[in-house]
N, C-alpha and C. Protein backbone atom coordinates (compact mmCIF):
# COMPACT_ATOMS: atom_id res chain seq x y z
N MET A 1 88.42 110.18 94.99
CA MET A 1 87.95 108.82 94.93
C MET A 1 87.23 107.95 95.19
N ALA A 2 86.06 107.03 94.60
CA ALA A 2 85.07 106.54 95.04
C ALA A 2 85.08 105.75 96.06
N ASP A 3 83.96 106.25 97.25
CA ASP A 3 83.79 104.75 97.93
C ASP A 3 84.32 103.67 97.70
N TRP A 4 84.66 102.92 98.54
CA TRP A 4 84.95 101.35 98.67
C TRP A 4 84.00 101.08 98.18
N LEU A 5 82.64 101.00 99.20
CA LEU A 5 81.26 100.49 98.93
C LEU A 5 80.74 100.65 97.35
N THR A 6 81.30 101.52 96.91
CA THR A 6 80.13 101.72 95.23
C THR A 6 80.91 101.44 94.34
N LEU A 7 82.27 101.02 94.28
CA LEU A 7 83.20 100.98 93.29
C LEU A 7 82.64 99.24 92.64
N PRO A 8 82.37 99.32 91.42
CA PRO A 8 81.74 98.59 90.32
C PRO A 8 82.85 96.65 90.72
N TRP A 9 82.22 95.70 90.73
CA TRP A 9 83.19 94.65 90.95
C TRP A 9 84.66 94.67 90.55
N LEU A 10 84.62 94.70 89.20
CA LEU A 10 85.83 94.87 88.85
C LEU A 10 87.07 95.97 88.90
N ASP A 11 86.63 97.07 89.82
CA ASP A 11 87.39 97.53 90.18
C ASP A 11 87.88 97.40 91.60
N LEU A 12 86.81 96.69 92.48
CA LEU A 12 86.95 96.16 93.07
C LEU A 12 88.23 94.90 93.08
N LEU A 13 88.22 93.82 92.10
CA LEU A 13 88.99 93.12 91.50
C LEU A 13 90.41 93.46 91.46
N ILE A 14 90.11 94.95 90.96
CA ILE A 14 91.89 95.01 90.47
C ILE A 14 92.81 95.78 91.74
N TRP A 15 92.19 96.40 92.12
CA TRP A 15 92.21 96.76 93.71
C TRP A 15 92.97 95.88 94.32
N SER A 16 92.22 94.76 94.78
CA SER A 16 92.44 93.81 95.43
C SER A 16 93.68 93.06 94.58
N GLY A 17 93.92 92.68 93.50
CA GLY A 17 95.17 92.29 92.75
C GLY A 17 96.15 92.97 93.23
N ALA A 18 96.10 94.64 93.23
CA ALA A 18 97.05 95.51 93.67
C ALA A 18 97.70 95.25 94.77
N ILE A 19 97.23 95.15 95.66
CA ILE A 19 96.90 95.42 97.14
C ILE A 19 97.99 94.03 97.58
N LEU A 20 97.44 92.90 97.07
CA LEU A 20 98.03 91.92 97.22
C LEU A 20 99.44 91.74 96.51
N CYS A 21 99.46 92.10 95.34
CA CYS A 21 100.58 91.33 94.58
C CYS A 21 101.68 92.56 95.40
N ILE A 22 101.05 94.19 95.79
CA ILE A 22 102.21 94.60 96.40
C ILE A 22 102.89 94.38 97.61
N LEU A 23 101.59 93.80 98.53
CA LEU A 23 101.96 93.27 100.25
C LEU A 23 102.72 91.60 100.35
N ALA A 24 102.61 91.00 98.82
CA ALA A 24 103.50 89.84 98.59
C ALA A 24 104.53 90.25 98.14
N GLY A 25 104.69 91.34 97.47
CA GLY A 25 105.98 91.87 97.02
C GLY A 25 107.14 92.41 98.12
N LEU A 26 106.40 92.94 98.91
CA LEU A 26 106.91 93.60 99.76
C LEU A 26 107.55 92.43 100.51
N VAL A 27 106.87 91.34 100.82
CA VAL A 27 107.41 89.94 101.60
C VAL A 27 108.37 89.26 100.92
N GLY A 28 108.71 89.45 99.53
CA GLY A 28 109.27 88.57 98.67
C GLY A 28 110.62 89.29 99.24
N LEU A 29 110.64 91.00 99.07
CA LEU A 29 111.78 91.21 99.11
C LEU A 29 112.86 91.00 100.46
N VAL A 30 112.59 90.18 101.25
CA VAL A 30 113.18 89.51 101.89
C VAL A 30 113.44 88.42 102.44
N LEU A 31 111.70 87.63 101.72
CA LEU A 31 111.80 86.02 101.71
C LEU A 31 112.18 85.58 100.11
N PRO A 32 113.63 85.04 99.88
CA PRO A 32 114.07 84.94 98.58
C PRO A 32 112.96 83.90 98.11
N ALA A 33 112.12 82.84 98.83
CA ALA A 33 111.27 82.02 98.21
C ALA A 33 110.54 82.77 97.11
N ILE A 34 110.06 84.18 97.55
CA ILE A 34 109.16 84.95 96.62
C ILE A 34 109.79 85.94 95.76
N PRO A 35 109.37 86.20 94.62
CA PRO A 35 109.53 86.65 93.85
C PRO A 35 109.08 88.39 94.17
N GLY A 36 110.01 88.84 94.76
CA GLY A 36 109.29 90.30 95.41
C GLY A 36 109.47 91.29 94.32
N PRO A 37 110.40 92.06 93.92
CA PRO A 37 110.57 93.09 92.83
C PRO A 37 109.76 92.59 92.20
N PRO A 38 109.57 91.15 91.19
CA PRO A 38 108.43 91.84 90.18
C PRO A 38 106.94 91.59 90.74
N LEU A 39 106.64 90.84 92.10
CA LEU A 39 105.26 90.74 92.62
C LEU A 39 105.10 92.35 92.71
N LEU A 40 105.99 93.28 93.25
CA LEU A 40 105.78 94.60 93.83
C LEU A 40 105.63 95.48 92.61
N PHE A 41 106.06 95.42 91.34
CA PHE A 41 105.86 95.69 90.11
C PHE A 41 104.47 95.56 89.82
N VAL A 42 104.27 94.39 89.62
CA VAL A 42 102.56 94.11 88.70
C VAL A 42 101.94 94.83 90.23
N GLY A 43 101.87 94.76 91.06
CA GLY A 43 101.04 95.55 91.59
C GLY A 43 100.92 97.03 92.01
N LEU A 44 101.98 97.60 91.72
CA LEU A 44 102.23 98.99 91.58
C LEU A 44 101.48 99.22 90.15
N TRP A 45 101.86 98.38 89.14
CA TRP A 45 101.12 98.54 87.88
C TRP A 45 99.64 98.89 87.75
N LEU A 46 99.14 97.49 88.61
CA LEU A 46 97.67 97.53 88.66
C LEU A 46 97.38 98.99 89.13
N ALA A 47 97.51 98.73 89.93
CA ALA A 47 97.10 100.55 90.83
C ALA A 47 96.95 101.83 89.93
N ALA A 48 98.02 101.70 89.17
CA ALA A 48 98.02 102.65 87.99
C ALA A 48 97.10 101.88 86.92
N PHE A 49 97.13 101.25 86.66
CA PHE A 49 95.94 100.76 86.04
C PHE A 49 95.03 100.66 86.49
N ALA A 50 93.98 101.07 87.76
CA ALA A 50 93.11 100.99 88.23
C ALA A 50 92.74 102.30 88.13
N GLU A 51 93.77 103.39 88.18
CA GLU A 51 93.50 104.69 88.28
C GLU A 51 93.54 105.29 86.42
N GLN A 52 93.88 104.56 85.61
CA GLN A 52 93.76 105.06 83.97
C GLN A 52 95.07 105.60 84.49
N TYR A 53 95.91 105.55 84.36
CA TYR A 53 97.29 106.11 84.60
C TYR A 53 97.31 107.41 84.29
N VAL A 54 96.11 107.67 85.28
CA VAL A 54 95.89 109.46 85.34
C VAL A 54 96.78 109.91 86.10
N PHE A 55 97.46 109.40 87.18
CA PHE A 55 98.44 109.58 87.74
C PHE A 55 99.55 109.71 87.65
N VAL A 56 99.99 108.33 87.89
CA VAL A 56 101.04 107.59 87.33
C VAL A 56 101.32 107.20 85.83
N GLY A 57 102.02 107.32 85.07
CA GLY A 57 102.16 107.52 83.63
C GLY A 57 103.15 106.20 83.09
N THR A 58 103.44 105.97 81.98
CA THR A 58 104.54 105.55 81.29
C THR A 58 105.53 105.68 81.44
N LYS A 59 106.24 107.25 81.94
CA LYS A 59 107.79 107.37 82.10
C LYS A 59 108.20 106.87 83.64
N THR A 60 107.01 106.99 84.60
CA THR A 60 107.07 106.10 85.71
C THR A 60 107.39 104.65 85.98
N LEU A 61 106.03 104.40 85.06
CA LEU A 61 106.15 102.87 84.81
C LEU A 61 107.32 102.10 84.60
N VAL A 62 107.83 102.56 83.63
CA VAL A 62 108.85 102.34 82.80
C VAL A 62 110.19 102.32 83.73
N PHE A 63 110.32 103.03 84.67
CA PHE A 63 111.75 103.67 85.55
C PHE A 63 111.54 102.75 86.65
N LEU A 64 110.07 102.08 87.17
CA LEU A 64 109.88 100.99 88.20
C LEU A 64 110.32 99.42 87.54
N GLY A 65 110.16 99.49 86.37
CA GLY A 65 110.67 98.13 85.56
C GLY A 65 112.08 97.87 85.34
N VAL A 66 112.54 99.09 85.20
CA VAL A 66 114.30 99.07 85.13
C VAL A 66 114.62 98.70 86.67
N LEU A 67 114.09 99.16 87.72
CA LEU A 67 114.60 98.99 89.46
C LEU A 67 114.30 97.70 89.34
N THR A 68 113.17 97.14 88.40
CA THR A 68 112.64 95.66 88.89
C THR A 68 114.17 94.50 88.78
N VAL A 69 114.14 94.84 87.45
CA VAL A 69 115.28 94.29 86.61
C VAL A 69 116.57 94.39 87.24
N LEU A 70 117.17 95.39 87.99
CA LEU A 70 118.20 95.80 88.28
C LEU A 70 117.89 94.87 89.49
N ALA A 71 116.96 94.69 90.13
CA ALA A 71 116.91 93.82 91.52
C ALA A 71 116.60 92.81 91.51
N VAL A 72 116.25 92.07 90.58
CA VAL A 72 116.63 90.47 90.25
C VAL A 72 117.69 90.04 90.21
N ALA A 73 118.07 90.79 88.99
CA ALA A 73 119.70 90.94 88.55
C ALA A 73 120.80 90.90 89.68
N LEU A 74 120.84 91.76 90.89
CA LEU A 74 121.64 91.85 91.90
C LEU A 74 121.00 90.46 92.60
N ASP A 75 119.77 90.33 92.78
CA ASP A 75 119.48 88.90 93.72
C ASP A 75 120.46 87.97 92.86
N PHE A 76 120.45 87.70 91.73
CA PHE A 76 120.88 86.52 91.38
C PHE A 76 122.66 86.13 91.05
N ILE A 77 123.04 87.41 91.05
CA ILE A 77 124.46 87.44 90.93
C ILE A 77 125.48 88.45 92.38
N ALA A 78 124.19 88.28 93.38
CA ALA A 78 125.41 89.09 94.77
C ALA A 78 126.03 87.83 95.22
N GLY A 79 125.61 86.67 95.33
CA GLY A 79 125.98 85.43 95.81
C GLY A 79 127.80 85.26 95.21
N ALA A 80 127.61 85.01 93.90
CA ALA A 80 128.77 84.99 93.13
C ALA A 80 129.52 86.03 93.32
N LEU A 81 129.31 87.48 93.80
CA LEU A 81 130.26 88.32 93.52
C LEU A 81 131.02 88.00 95.11
N GLY A 82 130.08 87.81 96.14
CA GLY A 82 130.30 87.73 97.66
C GLY A 82 131.83 86.55 97.40
N ALA A 83 131.25 85.66 96.85
CA ALA A 83 132.27 84.40 96.92
C ALA A 83 133.36 85.06 96.20
N LYS A 84 133.61 85.64 95.17
CA LYS A 84 135.08 86.32 94.31
C LYS A 84 135.84 87.23 95.36
N ARG A 85 134.52 88.68 96.04
CA ARG A 85 135.57 89.20 96.75
C ARG A 85 136.19 88.67 98.31
N PHE A 86 135.71 87.13 98.35
CA PHE A 86 136.69 86.45 99.75
C PHE A 86 138.02 85.58 99.05
N GLY A 87 138.03 86.00 97.24
CA GLY A 87 139.34 85.27 96.80
C GLY A 87 138.65 84.00 96.34
N ALA A 88 137.91 83.97 96.10
CA ALA A 88 137.32 82.61 95.50
C ALA A 88 137.66 82.51 93.81
N SER A 89 137.73 81.14 93.73
CA SER A 89 137.97 81.03 92.13
C SER A 89 136.65 81.47 91.08
N ARG A 90 137.19 81.33 89.82
CA ARG A 90 135.63 81.36 88.63
C ARG A 90 134.89 80.42 89.01
N TRP A 91 135.60 79.10 89.55
CA TRP A 91 134.95 77.77 90.00
C TRP A 91 133.62 77.66 91.01
N ALA A 92 134.00 79.00 92.19
CA ALA A 92 133.20 78.73 93.30
C ALA A 92 132.22 79.95 92.70
N VAL A 93 132.55 80.79 92.23
CA VAL A 93 131.65 81.92 91.82
C VAL A 93 130.58 81.38 90.83
N THR A 94 131.11 80.21 90.00
CA THR A 94 130.06 79.66 88.64
C THR A 94 129.27 78.77 89.66
N GLY A 95 129.62 78.10 91.04
CA GLY A 95 129.10 77.00 91.89
C GLY A 95 128.23 77.70 92.50
N ALA A 96 128.46 79.21 92.82
CA ALA A 96 127.62 79.95 94.04
C ALA A 96 126.76 80.69 93.35
N LEU A 97 126.60 81.05 92.31
CA LEU A 97 125.63 81.19 90.90
C LEU A 97 124.21 79.91 90.76
N ILE A 98 125.26 78.83 90.27
CA ILE A 98 124.51 77.80 90.07
C ILE A 98 123.45 77.08 91.21
N GLY A 99 124.45 77.34 92.44
CA GLY A 99 123.83 77.04 94.22
C GLY A 99 122.58 78.20 93.87
N ALA A 100 122.39 78.89 93.76
CA ALA A 100 121.71 79.77 94.22
C ALA A 100 120.58 79.98 93.19
N ILE A 101 120.59 79.14 91.51
CA ILE A 101 119.85 78.97 91.43
C ILE A 101 119.08 77.94 91.71
N VAL A 102 120.04 76.82 91.84
CA VAL A 102 119.58 75.31 91.96
C VAL A 102 118.79 75.03 93.35
N GLY A 103 118.94 76.26 94.84
CA GLY A 103 118.25 76.44 95.49
C GLY A 103 116.84 77.17 95.97
N ILE A 104 116.49 77.69 94.92
CA ILE A 104 115.20 78.43 94.52
C ILE A 104 114.62 76.98 94.81
N PHE A 105 114.36 75.86 94.11
CA PHE A 105 113.48 74.83 94.18
C PHE A 105 113.77 73.95 95.35
N PHE A 106 114.55 74.78 96.73
CA PHE A 106 114.12 73.75 98.05
C PHE A 106 113.95 75.31 98.95
N GLY A 107 113.25 76.11 98.31
CA GLY A 107 112.47 77.22 99.82
C GLY A 107 113.70 78.24 100.28
N LEU A 108 113.12 78.08 101.83
CA LEU A 108 114.25 79.20 102.26
C LEU A 108 115.61 78.55 102.38
N ILE A 109 115.60 77.48 103.15
CA ILE A 109 116.91 76.51 103.11
C ILE A 109 117.84 76.72 101.91
N GLY A 110 117.20 76.38 100.84
CA GLY A 110 117.82 76.15 99.64
C GLY A 110 118.48 77.44 99.15
N LEU A 111 117.86 78.34 99.61
CA LEU A 111 118.10 79.68 98.79
C LEU A 111 119.30 80.41 99.91
N LEU A 112 119.28 79.66 101.01
CA LEU A 112 120.26 80.40 102.17
C LEU A 112 121.42 79.76 101.75
N LEU A 113 121.44 77.88 101.88
CA LEU A 113 122.45 77.33 101.75
C LEU A 113 123.34 76.96 100.35
N GLY A 114 122.18 77.16 99.12
CA GLY A 114 122.64 76.92 97.78
C GLY A 114 123.68 78.10 97.71
N PRO A 115 124.08 79.26 97.51
CA PRO A 115 125.44 79.81 97.51
C PRO A 115 126.14 79.36 98.06
N PHE A 116 126.51 78.86 99.20
CA PHE A 116 127.31 78.44 100.18
C PHE A 116 127.83 77.19 99.23
N VAL A 117 126.78 76.24 99.53
CA VAL A 117 127.18 74.89 98.87
C VAL A 117 128.14 75.00 97.66
N GLY A 118 127.20 75.35 97.07
CA GLY A 118 127.62 75.81 95.56
C GLY A 118 129.25 76.13 95.52
N ALA A 119 129.88 77.39 96.17
CA ALA A 119 130.85 77.90 96.56
C ALA A 119 131.91 77.25 96.94
N VAL A 120 131.36 76.25 97.61
CA VAL A 120 132.47 75.57 98.43
C VAL A 120 132.70 74.23 97.12
N ALA A 121 131.90 73.72 97.07
CA ALA A 121 131.82 72.46 95.73
C ALA A 121 133.07 72.99 94.71
N GLY A 122 132.50 74.14 94.35
CA GLY A 122 133.22 75.03 93.45
C GLY A 122 134.65 75.28 93.43
N GLU A 123 134.78 75.12 94.78
CA GLU A 123 136.24 75.13 94.92
C GLU A 123 136.64 74.29 95.39
N LEU A 124 136.18 73.14 95.68
CA LEU A 124 136.72 71.84 95.74
C LEU A 124 136.99 70.93 94.64
N ALA A 125 136.44 71.26 93.55
CA ALA A 125 136.07 70.90 92.92
C ALA A 125 137.10 71.77 91.62
N SER A 126 137.77 72.73 92.30
CA SER A 126 138.88 73.39 91.71
C SER A 126 140.37 72.73 91.84
N GLY A 127 140.38 71.89 93.11
CA GLY A 127 141.17 71.57 93.62
C GLY A 127 141.99 72.16 95.38
N ARG A 128 140.95 73.53 95.57
CA ARG A 128 141.32 74.11 96.84
C ARG A 128 141.01 73.68 97.89
N ALA A 129 141.89 73.58 98.68
CA ALA A 129 141.92 73.11 100.06
C ALA A 129 140.30 73.39 101.20
N PHE A 130 140.29 72.67 101.98
CA PHE A 130 138.67 73.25 102.29
C PHE A 130 138.70 74.39 102.99
N ASP A 131 139.66 74.88 103.77
CA ASP A 131 139.39 76.43 104.50
C ASP A 131 139.49 77.07 103.20
N ALA A 132 140.24 77.46 102.22
CA ALA A 132 139.30 77.85 101.04
C ALA A 132 138.37 77.82 100.64
N ALA A 133 137.76 76.97 100.19
CA ALA A 133 136.32 76.56 99.66
C ALA A 133 135.29 76.80 101.42
N SER A 134 135.57 77.27 102.25
CA SER A 134 134.84 77.40 102.90
C SER A 134 135.21 78.93 103.11
N ARG A 135 135.97 79.86 103.13
CA ARG A 135 136.07 81.42 102.83
C ARG A 135 135.03 81.45 101.66
N ALA A 136 135.36 80.93 100.70
CA ALA A 136 134.59 81.04 99.81
C ALA A 136 132.78 80.89 99.82
N GLY A 137 132.33 80.24 100.26
CA GLY A 137 131.09 79.91 100.75
C GLY A 137 130.73 80.69 101.28
N ILE A 138 131.22 81.39 102.43
CA ILE A 138 131.07 82.41 103.20
C ILE A 138 130.97 83.20 103.15
N GLY A 139 131.90 84.06 101.94
CA GLY A 139 131.47 84.77 100.78
C GLY A 139 130.12 84.85 99.84
N ALA A 140 129.73 83.60 99.91
CA ALA A 140 128.39 83.90 98.89
C ALA A 140 127.58 83.86 99.34
N THR A 141 127.94 83.32 101.27
CA THR A 141 126.69 83.76 102.07
C THR A 141 126.48 85.52 102.44
N VAL A 142 127.20 86.09 102.44
CA VAL A 142 127.48 87.51 102.47
C VAL A 142 126.89 88.02 101.30
N GLY A 143 127.67 87.58 100.63
CA GLY A 143 126.91 88.46 98.91
C GLY A 143 125.61 87.87 99.16
N LEU A 144 125.00 86.54 99.35
CA LEU A 144 123.74 86.79 99.66
C LEU A 144 122.75 87.74 100.49
N LEU A 145 123.62 87.88 101.75
CA LEU A 145 122.71 89.09 102.41
C LEU A 145 122.69 90.26 102.12
N ILE A 146 124.09 90.63 101.19
CA ILE A 146 124.17 91.89 100.37
C ILE A 146 123.33 92.31 99.89
N GLY A 147 122.92 91.30 98.66
CA GLY A 147 121.79 91.60 97.51
C GLY A 147 120.33 91.04 98.19
N THR A 148 120.05 90.81 99.16
CA THR A 148 118.85 90.87 99.86
C THR A 148 118.71 92.39 100.71
N ALA A 149 119.86 92.69 101.01
CA ALA A 149 119.35 94.28 102.13
C ALA A 149 119.28 95.47 100.23
N ALA A 150 120.08 95.07 99.31
CA ALA A 150 119.76 95.90 98.15
C ALA A 150 118.61 95.92 97.89
N LYS A 151 118.04 94.94 97.67
CA LYS A 151 116.96 94.47 96.95
C LYS A 151 115.38 95.22 97.71
N LEU A 152 115.70 95.09 98.97
CA LEU A 152 115.07 95.45 100.07
C LEU A 152 114.91 96.88 99.61
N ALA A 153 116.41 98.06 99.63
CA ALA A 153 116.42 99.04 99.57
C ALA A 153 115.49 99.63 98.08
N ILE A 154 115.84 98.74 97.08
CA ILE A 154 115.37 98.79 95.76
C ILE A 154 114.06 98.97 96.09
N GLY A 155 113.75 97.82 96.49
CA GLY A 155 111.65 97.65 96.73
C GLY A 155 111.14 98.62 97.29
N LEU A 156 111.80 99.37 98.62
CA LEU A 156 111.19 100.04 99.07
C LEU A 156 111.59 101.68 98.35
N THR A 157 112.36 101.79 97.60
CA THR A 157 112.38 102.95 96.67
C THR A 157 111.52 102.76 95.51
N MET A 158 111.33 101.77 95.57
CA MET A 158 110.33 101.80 93.65
C MET A 158 108.56 101.82 94.73
N LEU A 159 108.73 101.73 95.74
CA LEU A 159 107.30 102.23 96.64
C LEU A 159 107.20 103.53 96.23
N GLY A 160 107.83 103.93 97.29
CA GLY A 160 108.39 105.73 97.39
C GLY A 160 108.15 106.27 96.23
N VAL A 161 108.78 106.26 95.23
CA VAL A 161 108.45 106.53 93.54
C VAL A 161 107.07 106.27 93.32
N PHE A 162 106.64 105.56 93.24
CA PHE A 162 105.10 105.36 93.46
C PHE A 162 104.42 106.83 93.99
N VAL A 163 104.65 106.26 95.64
CA VAL A 163 103.59 106.98 96.29
C VAL A 163 104.19 108.77 96.23
N PHE A 164 105.25 108.98 95.92
CA PHE A 164 105.52 110.01 95.59
C PHE A 164 105.19 110.63 94.26
N VAL A 165 105.00 110.36 92.56
CA VAL A 165 104.74 110.43 91.57
C VAL A 165 102.65 110.65 91.61
N ARG A 166 102.64 109.72 92.58
CA ARG A 166 100.96 109.54 93.07
C ARG A 166 100.34 110.66 93.33
N LEU A 167 101.30 111.18 94.54
CA LEU A 167 100.38 112.44 95.33
C LEU A 167 101.04 113.58 94.69
N THR A 168 101.85 113.58 94.21
CA THR A 168 102.21 115.10 93.37
C THR A 168 101.60 115.00 92.46
N SER A 169 101.07 114.10 91.62
CA SER A 169 100.13 114.62 90.55
C SER A 169 98.52 114.59 90.41
N SER A 170 98.04 114.45 91.89
CA SER A 170 96.57 114.91 92.13
C SER A 170 96.29 116.14 92.51
């Protein structure tokens, strides 16, 4: 690989974008307000592009894309599944999902509280008692934490696959 000082400005720009996206993606794996898996994917794709797909090709990028979609899906449905696991009604599961989506617009606090508030509101709307509604909210929060752990595992797997393919292809 060429020395950083001798890279043309476009290569430097592409590599800078790749590194920034990868770093932001890694942060986004644990901070819900940042779309971690998509940013990580874009960064890895830019790195492959910068090397003209010599080391990391289409098959690897498609696999990483599938992992990205899986991580994003898990992020959205984990709160709802957590609520369901704690005995929540369909109303609470729907509320947790809506709460997670609405919470996106309120930053970190909204993302943490959205599934809880949504699940509680859904349970209360269905006529269940406050203690059952609270359990559903706790389940939604637990689901969110499990979803974050899964998203982190998938994101680190994406990075590991990319590095492994890159190193074994050279």
